[in-house]
Protein backbone atom coordinates (compact mmCIF):
# COMPACT_ATOMS: atom_id res chain seq x y z
CA MET A 1 94.65 58.06 90.08
CA ALA A 2 95.25 58.22 86.33
CA SER A 3 98.44 56.71 86.37
CA SER A 4 97.08 53.38 87.94
CA LEU A 5 94.25 53.54 85.18
CA PHE A 6 96.61 53.63 82.33
CA ALA A 7 98.80 51.12 83.74
CA ARG A 8 95.90 48.82 84.18
CA HIS A 9 94.89 49.73 80.76
CA GLY A 10 98.49 49.01 79.61
CA ARG A 11 98.69 45.58 81.30
CA HIS A 12 95.28 44.65 79.67
CA ILE A 13 96.54 45.33 76.37
CA ALA A 14 99.77 43.75 76.66
CA LEU A 15 98.00 40.61 77.83
CA ALA A 16 95.73 40.69 74.89
CA LEU A 17 98.56 41.17 72.49
CA MET A 18 100.26 37.97 74.22
CA VAL A 19 97.12 35.92 73.93
CA ALA A 20 96.62 36.98 70.15
CA ILE A 21 100.29 36.07 69.54
CA VAL A 22 99.71 32.76 71.00
CA GLY A 23 96.34 32.19 69.34
CA TRP A 24 97.52 33.17 66.09
CA PRO A 25 99.08 29.62 65.13
CA VAL A 26 96.10 27.87 66.81
CA LEU A 27 93.64 29.83 64.61
CA ALA A 28 95.65 29.07 61.58
CA TRP A 29 95.85 25.35 62.47
CA LEU A 30 92.30 25.33 62.58
CA HIS A 31 91.95 26.93 59.13
CA PRO A 32 91.19 24.63 56.25
CA VAL A 33 94.46 25.04 54.60
CA PRO A 34 97.20 23.40 56.56
CA TRP A 35 98.81 26.21 58.60
CA THR A 36 102.21 25.05 57.73
CA GLN A 37 101.46 26.35 54.15
CA ASN A 38 100.20 29.60 55.67
CA VAL A 39 103.67 30.15 57.49
CA VAL A 40 105.64 29.05 54.55
CA GLU A 41 103.49 31.01 52.03
CA ARG A 42 104.11 34.29 54.11
CA LEU A 43 107.62 33.87 54.30
CA ALA A 44 108.58 32.49 50.94
CA LEU A 45 108.87 34.57 47.60
CA PRO A 46 105.68 34.88 45.66
CA ASP A 47 106.87 32.75 42.62
CA GLY A 48 109.06 30.54 44.20
CA PRO A 49 109.58 26.87 43.95
CA ALA A 50 107.80 24.71 46.37
CA LEU A 51 109.77 23.83 49.57
CA PRO A 52 110.57 20.13 50.39
CA ALA A 53 108.17 18.75 53.09
CA ALA A 54 110.83 18.09 55.85
CA LEU A 55 111.86 21.78 55.38
CA GLU A 56 108.28 23.07 55.75
CA HIS A 57 108.05 21.14 58.86
CA VAL A 58 111.38 22.50 60.31
CA LEU A 59 110.17 26.00 59.16
CA MET A 60 106.83 25.55 60.57
CA VAL A 61 108.36 24.81 64.36
CA ALA A 62 110.99 27.61 63.71
CA GLY A 63 108.20 30.05 62.80
CA LEU A 64 106.95 29.64 66.29
CA LEU A 65 109.69 31.07 67.55
CA PRO A 66 109.53 34.66 66.93
CA LEU A 67 106.02 34.37 68.00
CA ALA A 68 106.88 32.90 71.39
CA VAL A 69 109.52 35.30 72.00
CA ALA A 70 107.19 38.21 71.26
CA ALA A 71 104.52 36.61 73.58
CA TYR A 72 107.24 36.42 76.38
CA GLY A 73 107.95 40.27 75.80
CA PHE A 74 104.27 41.30 76.04
CA TYR A 75 104.20 39.21 79.26
CA GLU A 76 107.09 41.29 80.74
CA ALA A 77 105.29 44.39 79.29
CA ALA A 78 102.17 43.10 81.47
CA ARG A 79 104.61 42.68 84.48
CA PHE A 80 105.84 46.22 84.14
CA PHE A 81 102.65 47.58 84.06
CA GLY A 82 101.56 45.69 86.97
CA ARG A 83 104.36 47.25 88.99
CA VAL A 84 103.35 50.56 87.80
CA GLU A 85 99.70 49.97 88.58
CA ARG A 86 100.81 49.01 92.35
CA GLY A 87 103.03 52.12 92.57
CA ARG A 88 106.47 50.37 91.92
CA ALA A 89 107.37 52.29 88.77
CA PHE A 90 110.70 53.02 90.28
CA SER A 91 111.68 49.77 91.30
CA LEU A 92 114.47 47.61 89.85
CA ASP A 93 112.27 44.68 89.26
CA ALA A 94 109.92 47.09 87.03
CA VAL A 95 112.78 48.25 85.22
CA GLU A 96 114.06 44.71 84.50
CA ALA A 97 110.51 43.90 83.15
CA LEU A 98 110.54 46.85 80.71
CA ARG A 99 114.24 45.81 79.80
CA ARG A 100 113.24 42.22 79.08
CA PHE A 101 110.25 43.61 77.05
CA GLY A 102 112.71 45.51 74.96
CA LEU A 103 115.17 42.71 74.55
CA ALA A 104 112.33 40.30 73.49
CA LEU A 105 111.02 42.75 71.00
CA LEU A 106 114.43 43.02 69.61
CA ALA A 107 115.00 39.26 69.32
CA ALA A 108 111.78 38.77 67.57
CA ALA A 109 112.71 41.29 65.10
CA VAL A 110 115.97 39.72 64.24
CA LEU A 111 114.49 36.20 64.23
CA ILE A 112 111.89 37.25 61.53
CA PRO A 113 114.47 38.16 58.83
CA LEU A 114 116.69 34.87 59.76
CA LEU A 115 113.65 32.77 59.22
CA ARG A 116 112.66 34.50 55.90
CA LEU A 117 116.52 33.98 54.83
CA ALA A 118 116.27 30.27 55.70
CA VAL A 119 113.07 29.93 53.52
CA VAL A 120 114.69 31.64 50.54
CA LEU A 121 117.97 29.72 50.80
CA GLY A 122 115.73 26.39 51.23
CA GLU A 123 114.33 27.43 47.93
CA GLY A 124 117.49 27.37 46.26
CA THR A 125 117.16 31.01 45.14
CA ALA A 126 120.58 32.45 44.23
CA ASP A 127 119.38 35.82 42.89
CA PRO A 128 120.68 38.37 45.61
CA MET A 129 117.93 40.79 44.80
CA ALA A 130 115.27 37.93 45.47
CA VAL A 131 117.04 37.25 48.81
CA LEU A 132 117.09 41.17 49.91
CA ALA A 133 113.56 41.50 48.96
CA ALA A 134 112.62 38.59 51.20
CA VAL A 135 114.70 39.55 53.95
CA LEU A 136 114.33 43.20 54.27
CA ARG A 137 111.10 44.14 55.17
CA LEU A 138 109.71 47.33 57.07
CA GLY A 139 108.13 45.46 59.82
CA PRO A 140 111.12 43.89 61.56
CA ILE A 141 113.12 47.15 61.20
CA VAL A 142 110.37 49.18 62.88
CA LEU A 143 110.03 46.48 65.67
CA ALA A 144 113.74 46.73 66.18
CA GLY A 145 113.67 50.49 66.43
CA ILE A 146 110.57 50.32 68.81
CA ALA A 147 112.77 47.88 70.69
CA GLY A 148 115.75 50.16 70.83
CA VAL A 149 113.76 52.97 72.33
CA VAL A 150 112.03 50.67 75.07
CA LEU A 151 115.77 49.53 75.79
CA ALA A 152 117.02 53.10 76.18
CA PHE A 153 114.20 54.20 78.21
CA SER A 154 114.58 51.13 80.42
CA ALA A 155 118.44 52.11 80.88
CA ILE A 156 117.39 55.75 81.75
CA LEU A 157 114.77 54.30 84.11
CA ARG A 158 117.46 52.21 85.75
CA GLU A 159 119.79 55.04 86.15
CA ALA A 160 116.88 56.96 87.85
CA VAL A 161 116.27 54.37 90.04
CA THR A 162 119.75 53.86 91.00
CA LEU A 163 120.06 57.50 91.64
CA ALA A 164 116.95 57.59 93.78
CA GLU A 165 118.15 54.66 96.00
CA GLU A 166 121.69 56.12 96.59
CA ASN A 167 119.92 59.43 97.48
CA ALA A 168 117.54 57.66 99.73
CA SER A 169 120.60 55.75 101.65
CA PHE A 170 121.99 59.29 102.33
CA VAL A 171 118.86 60.87 104.11
């Protein structure tokens, strides 16, 4: 069955993305440059002043939060595809897994700019344009848009499942 094949591939892709997201900090940690610098350099302004060491450690831990949330989201996506593979696409638990995937993507899309803002404010940057340049990036905006589409689809699917269950009770 073609839908089962697509669901299996979707589940494998979601699990691979989850492993990649979890493995990224491990690979960065094994890199010769301390991975706290890698995270902070990616978040900070290119020519900004150096951050205090204590703030770097806080941001290192905080930088894991969007990754953990995204990894959880892909776990929920794998659960959704697992339900579809077993022929349970129109079940409330499948819809809930899809909704949680969308919520996790949305949470990651919100956390990323907040973390960037924390870095910029930690640097003591007062220039509003520098703050906007650091915080407003295309990636989180696109991620939030995709999350919105997934959440809308899960709401439509929830309504379809509810109507199907109501109709089944009449028969």
